[in-house]
């Protein structure tokens, strides 16, 4: 038996209760952003991830469509990529199934 608390954590169950509802369509923007290497051109993001559906407060959208609405052509950091996407899609809670 160890003193690091591993057994206690296992007995308590999950730290966050998972819902029973339908899965939300699309990937979180942070997940898509983490798959890219920066600095990167918008055209390269479109080539790699353009067909990826992301979650937005207005529902799922293809990243390629979102990037087409952005004037940015180059993302020097992950933050600049996420900012450009959020300027198009906004921020807010992602709708879930009923």
N, C-alpha and C. Protein backbone atom coordinates (compact mmCIF):
# COMPACT_ATOMS: atom_id res chain seq x y z
N UNK A 1 0.84 -1.18 0.00
CA UNK A 1 0.00 0.00 0.00
C UNK A 1 0.88 1.23 0.00
N UNK A 2 0.57 2.16 -0.84
CA UNK A 2 1.40 3.36 -0.96
C UNK A 2 0.75 4.53 -0.22
N UNK A 3 1.58 5.52 0.06
CA UNK A 3 1.10 6.70 0.76
C UNK A 3 0.76 7.85 -0.18
N UNK A 4 0.76 7.61 -1.49
CA UNK A 4 0.54 8.72 -2.41
C UNK A 4 -0.92 8.98 -2.71
N UNK A 5 -1.85 8.24 -2.13
CA UNK A 5 -3.27 8.52 -2.27
C UNK A 5 -3.91 7.92 -3.50
N UNK A 6 -3.20 7.09 -4.26
CA UNK A 6 -3.76 6.51 -5.48
C UNK A 6 -4.99 5.67 -5.20
N UNK A 7 -4.95 4.87 -4.14
CA UNK A 7 -6.09 4.01 -3.84
C UNK A 7 -7.32 4.84 -3.47
N UNK A 8 -7.13 5.88 -2.73
CA UNK A 8 -8.25 6.72 -2.32
C UNK A 8 -8.91 7.36 -3.54
N UNK A 9 -8.11 7.84 -4.49
CA UNK A 9 -8.65 8.47 -5.69
C UNK A 9 -9.48 7.47 -6.50
N UNK A 10 -9.05 6.22 -6.56
CA UNK A 10 -9.79 5.20 -7.30
C UNK A 10 -11.14 4.92 -6.66
N UNK A 11 -11.21 4.95 -5.35
CA UNK A 11 -12.44 4.62 -4.63
C UNK A 11 -13.49 5.73 -4.72
N UNK A 12 -13.07 6.95 -4.96
CA UNK A 12 -13.99 8.08 -4.97
C UNK A 12 -14.78 8.22 -6.26
N UNK A 13 -14.38 7.59 -7.33
CA UNK A 13 -15.08 7.72 -8.60
C UNK A 13 -14.57 8.92 -9.37
N UNK A 14 -15.24 9.27 -10.47
CA UNK A 14 -14.74 10.37 -11.29
C UNK A 14 -14.90 11.72 -10.60
N UNK A 15 -13.96 12.61 -10.87
CA UNK A 15 -14.01 13.95 -10.27
C UNK A 15 -15.13 14.78 -10.88
N UNK A 16 -15.50 14.48 -12.14
CA UNK A 16 -16.55 15.20 -12.83
C UNK A 16 -17.57 14.18 -13.32
N UNK A 17 -18.81 14.40 -13.00
CA UNK A 17 -19.86 13.50 -13.47
C UNK A 17 -20.08 13.72 -14.96
N UNK A 18 -20.15 12.64 -15.69
CA UNK A 18 -20.40 12.73 -17.12
C UNK A 18 -21.89 12.68 -17.38
N UNK A 19 -22.35 13.48 -18.32
CA UNK A 19 -23.76 13.54 -18.64
C UNK A 19 -24.22 12.34 -19.42
N UNK A 20 -25.52 12.18 -19.48
CA UNK A 20 -26.13 11.07 -20.20
C UNK A 20 -26.60 11.49 -21.58
N UNK A 21 -26.55 12.77 -21.92
CA UNK A 21 -27.09 13.28 -23.17
C UNK A 21 -26.25 12.88 -24.38
N UNK A 22 -26.70 13.36 -25.55
CA UNK A 22 -26.02 13.07 -26.79
C UNK A 22 -24.67 13.80 -26.83
N UNK A 23 -23.73 13.22 -27.57
CA UNK A 23 -22.42 13.83 -27.73
C UNK A 23 -22.55 15.11 -28.55
N UNK A 24 -21.70 16.07 -28.27
CA UNK A 24 -21.68 17.34 -29.01
C UNK A 24 -20.86 17.12 -30.27
N UNK A 25 -21.42 17.55 -31.42
CA UNK A 25 -20.73 17.35 -32.68
C UNK A 25 -19.57 18.33 -32.81
N UNK A 26 -18.47 17.85 -33.35
CA UNK A 26 -17.31 18.70 -33.61
C UNK A 26 -16.24 18.56 -32.53
N UNK A 27 -15.06 19.04 -32.88
CA UNK A 27 -13.92 18.99 -31.98
C UNK A 27 -13.75 20.36 -31.31
N UNK A 28 -13.28 20.37 -30.08
CA UNK A 28 -12.98 21.65 -29.44
C UNK A 28 -11.85 22.36 -30.20
N UNK A 29 -11.92 23.66 -30.29
CA UNK A 29 -10.89 24.43 -30.99
C UNK A 29 -9.51 24.16 -30.41
N UNK A 30 -9.40 24.02 -29.11
CA UNK A 30 -8.10 23.77 -28.47
C UNK A 30 -7.48 22.47 -28.95
N UNK A 31 -8.30 21.46 -29.20
CA UNK A 31 -7.77 20.18 -29.68
C UNK A 31 -7.18 20.34 -31.08
N UNK A 32 -7.91 21.05 -31.95
CA UNK A 32 -7.41 21.28 -33.30
C UNK A 32 -6.14 22.11 -33.25
N UNK A 33 -6.13 23.15 -32.45
CA UNK A 33 -4.97 24.03 -32.33
C UNK A 33 -3.74 23.26 -31.85
N UNK A 34 -3.94 22.29 -30.98
CA UNK A 34 -2.81 21.53 -30.44
C UNK A 34 -2.19 20.60 -31.47
N UNK A 35 -2.91 20.28 -32.53
CA UNK A 35 -2.37 19.38 -33.57
C UNK A 35 -1.49 20.11 -34.58
N UNK A 36 -1.46 21.43 -34.51
CA UNK A 36 -0.69 22.23 -35.47
C UNK A 36 0.63 22.67 -34.86
N UNK A 37 1.58 22.98 -35.74
CA UNK A 37 2.87 23.53 -35.32
C UNK A 37 2.95 24.96 -35.81
N UNK A 38 3.42 25.85 -34.98
CA UNK A 38 3.44 27.28 -35.30
C UNK A 38 4.87 27.73 -35.49
N UNK A 39 5.09 28.61 -36.32
CA UNK A 39 4.28 29.47 -37.16
C UNK A 39 3.78 28.68 -38.37
N UNK A 40 2.54 29.04 -38.84
CA UNK A 40 1.93 28.29 -39.93
C UNK A 40 1.05 29.21 -40.76
N UNK A 41 1.05 28.97 -42.07
CA UNK A 41 0.21 29.76 -42.97
C UNK A 41 -1.22 29.25 -42.94
N UNK A 42 -2.15 30.15 -43.18
CA UNK A 42 -3.57 29.78 -43.19
C UNK A 42 -3.82 28.68 -44.22
N UNK A 43 -3.19 28.76 -45.37
CA UNK A 43 -3.40 27.75 -46.41
C UNK A 43 -2.98 26.36 -45.94
N UNK A 44 -1.94 26.29 -45.13
CA UNK A 44 -1.50 24.99 -44.60
C UNK A 44 -2.48 24.47 -43.56
N UNK A 45 -3.04 25.35 -42.74
CA UNK A 45 -4.07 24.94 -41.78
C UNK A 45 -5.28 24.41 -42.54
N UNK A 46 -5.68 25.12 -43.60
CA UNK A 46 -6.81 24.68 -44.41
C UNK A 46 -6.54 23.32 -45.04
N UNK A 47 -5.33 23.10 -45.52
CA UNK A 47 -4.98 21.81 -46.13
C UNK A 47 -5.04 20.67 -45.11
N UNK A 48 -4.50 20.92 -43.92
CA UNK A 48 -4.44 19.87 -42.89
C UNK A 48 -5.75 19.66 -42.17
N UNK A 49 -6.42 20.74 -41.80
CA UNK A 49 -7.57 20.66 -40.89
C UNK A 49 -8.85 21.29 -41.44
N UNK A 50 -8.85 21.70 -42.70
CA UNK A 50 -10.00 22.40 -43.25
C UNK A 50 -11.31 21.63 -43.18
N UNK A 51 -11.25 20.31 -43.28
CA UNK A 51 -12.46 19.48 -43.21
C UNK A 51 -12.89 19.16 -41.79
N UNK A 52 -12.09 19.57 -40.82
CA UNK A 52 -12.41 19.29 -39.42
C UNK A 52 -13.58 20.15 -38.96
N UNK A 53 -14.53 19.53 -38.31
CA UNK A 53 -15.66 20.26 -37.75
C UNK A 53 -15.31 20.69 -36.34
N UNK A 54 -15.49 21.98 -36.05
CA UNK A 54 -15.21 22.49 -34.70
C UNK A 54 -16.51 22.89 -34.02
N UNK A 55 -16.48 22.90 -32.71
CA UNK A 55 -17.63 23.31 -31.91
C UNK A 55 -17.64 24.82 -31.80
N UNK A 56 -18.82 25.41 -32.01
CA UNK A 56 -18.96 26.85 -31.81
C UNK A 56 -20.26 27.10 -31.04
N UNK A 57 -20.43 28.31 -30.58
CA UNK A 57 -21.65 28.63 -29.84
C UNK A 57 -22.88 28.62 -30.75
N UNK A 58 -22.67 28.67 -32.07
CA UNK A 58 -23.77 28.60 -33.03
C UNK A 58 -23.94 27.20 -33.61
N UNK A 59 -23.24 26.24 -33.05
CA UNK A 59 -23.30 24.87 -33.55
C UNK A 59 -22.03 24.51 -34.31
N UNK A 60 -21.94 23.28 -34.78
CA UNK A 60 -20.72 22.83 -35.46
C UNK A 60 -20.50 23.55 -36.79
N UNK A 61 -19.21 23.83 -37.09
CA UNK A 61 -18.83 24.46 -38.36
C UNK A 61 -17.52 23.86 -38.84
N UNK A 62 -17.37 23.76 -40.16
CA UNK A 62 -16.10 23.30 -40.72
C UNK A 62 -15.06 24.40 -40.56
N UNK A 63 -13.87 24.01 -40.12
CA UNK A 63 -12.81 24.98 -39.90
C UNK A 63 -12.44 25.71 -41.18
N UNK A 64 -12.47 25.03 -42.32
CA UNK A 64 -12.16 25.68 -43.60
C UNK A 64 -13.10 26.84 -43.89
N UNK A 65 -14.39 26.67 -43.58
CA UNK A 65 -15.36 27.74 -43.79
C UNK A 65 -15.09 28.92 -42.86
N UNK A 66 -14.71 28.61 -41.63
CA UNK A 66 -14.40 29.66 -40.66
C UNK A 66 -13.17 30.44 -41.12
N UNK A 67 -12.12 29.73 -41.54
CA UNK A 67 -10.90 30.40 -41.97
C UNK A 67 -11.13 31.24 -43.21
N UNK A 68 -12.05 30.84 -44.07
CA UNK A 68 -12.36 31.62 -45.27
C UNK A 68 -12.92 33.00 -44.92
N UNK A 69 -13.53 33.12 -43.75
CA UNK A 69 -14.09 34.40 -43.30
C UNK A 69 -13.06 35.27 -42.58
N UNK A 70 -11.88 34.74 -42.34
CA UNK A 70 -10.84 35.48 -41.63
C UNK A 70 -9.89 36.16 -42.61
N UNK A 71 -9.45 37.36 -42.27
CA UNK A 71 -8.50 38.09 -43.10
C UNK A 71 -7.06 37.68 -42.82
N UNK A 72 -6.83 36.92 -41.75
CA UNK A 72 -5.48 36.51 -41.40
C UNK A 72 -4.94 35.52 -42.44
N UNK A 73 -3.64 35.61 -42.73
CA UNK A 73 -3.03 34.68 -43.68
C UNK A 73 -1.90 33.87 -43.05
N UNK A 74 -1.55 34.22 -41.80
CA UNK A 74 -0.41 33.59 -41.13
C UNK A 74 -0.64 33.62 -39.64
N UNK A 75 -0.36 32.51 -38.99
CA UNK A 75 -0.51 32.43 -37.53
C UNK A 75 0.85 32.14 -36.93
N UNK A 76 1.41 33.13 -36.24
CA UNK A 76 2.74 32.94 -35.67
C UNK A 76 2.70 32.16 -34.36
N UNK A 77 1.57 32.14 -33.68
CA UNK A 77 1.44 31.40 -32.43
C UNK A 77 0.08 30.71 -32.38
N UNK A 78 -0.04 29.77 -31.48
CA UNK A 78 -1.32 29.10 -31.25
C UNK A 78 -2.38 30.13 -30.84
N UNK A 79 -1.99 31.07 -30.02
CA UNK A 79 -2.92 32.09 -29.55
C UNK A 79 -3.45 32.93 -30.71
N UNK A 80 -2.59 33.25 -31.68
CA UNK A 80 -3.06 34.06 -32.81
C UNK A 80 -4.03 33.26 -33.67
N UNK A 81 -3.82 31.95 -33.80
CA UNK A 81 -4.75 31.10 -34.53
C UNK A 81 -6.11 31.06 -33.82
N UNK A 82 -6.09 30.78 -32.52
CA UNK A 82 -7.34 30.69 -31.76
C UNK A 82 -8.07 32.03 -31.76
N UNK A 83 -7.34 33.12 -31.66
CA UNK A 83 -7.97 34.45 -31.67
C UNK A 83 -8.66 34.71 -33.00
N UNK A 84 -8.00 34.37 -34.10
CA UNK A 84 -8.58 34.59 -35.43
C UNK A 84 -9.86 33.78 -35.60
N UNK A 85 -9.86 32.54 -35.14
CA UNK A 85 -11.06 31.70 -35.25
C UNK A 85 -12.17 32.28 -34.38
N UNK A 86 -11.85 32.67 -33.16
CA UNK A 86 -12.87 33.22 -32.26
C UNK A 86 -13.44 34.55 -32.75
N UNK A 87 -12.64 35.32 -33.48
CA UNK A 87 -13.16 36.56 -34.06
C UNK A 87 -14.25 36.28 -35.08
N UNK A 88 -14.19 35.11 -35.71
CA UNK A 88 -15.21 34.73 -36.69
C UNK A 88 -16.40 34.07 -36.02
N UNK A 89 -16.14 33.11 -35.14
CA UNK A 89 -17.25 32.32 -34.56
C UNK A 89 -17.76 32.86 -33.23
N UNK A 90 -17.02 33.74 -32.61
CA UNK A 90 -17.43 34.27 -31.31
C UNK A 90 -17.07 33.31 -30.18
N UNK A 91 -17.54 33.66 -29.00
CA UNK A 91 -17.30 32.81 -27.83
C UNK A 91 -18.64 32.59 -27.14
N UNK A 92 -18.69 31.61 -26.33
CA UNK A 92 -19.92 31.32 -25.61
C UNK A 92 -20.09 29.83 -25.43
N UNK A 93 -21.11 29.46 -24.70
CA UNK A 93 -21.32 28.04 -24.45
C UNK A 93 -21.70 27.29 -25.73
N UNK A 94 -21.24 26.06 -25.82
CA UNK A 94 -21.57 25.20 -26.95
C UNK A 94 -22.90 24.53 -26.67
N UNK A 95 -23.85 24.62 -27.60
CA UNK A 95 -25.16 23.99 -27.36
C UNK A 95 -25.03 22.47 -27.30
N UNK A 96 -25.80 21.87 -26.43
CA UNK A 96 -25.81 20.41 -26.29
C UNK A 96 -27.19 19.89 -26.65
N UNK A 97 -27.28 18.60 -26.87
CA UNK A 97 -28.58 17.98 -27.17
C UNK A 97 -29.50 18.07 -25.96
N UNK A 98 -30.76 17.93 -26.19
CA UNK A 98 -31.76 18.07 -25.11
C UNK A 98 -31.84 16.85 -24.27
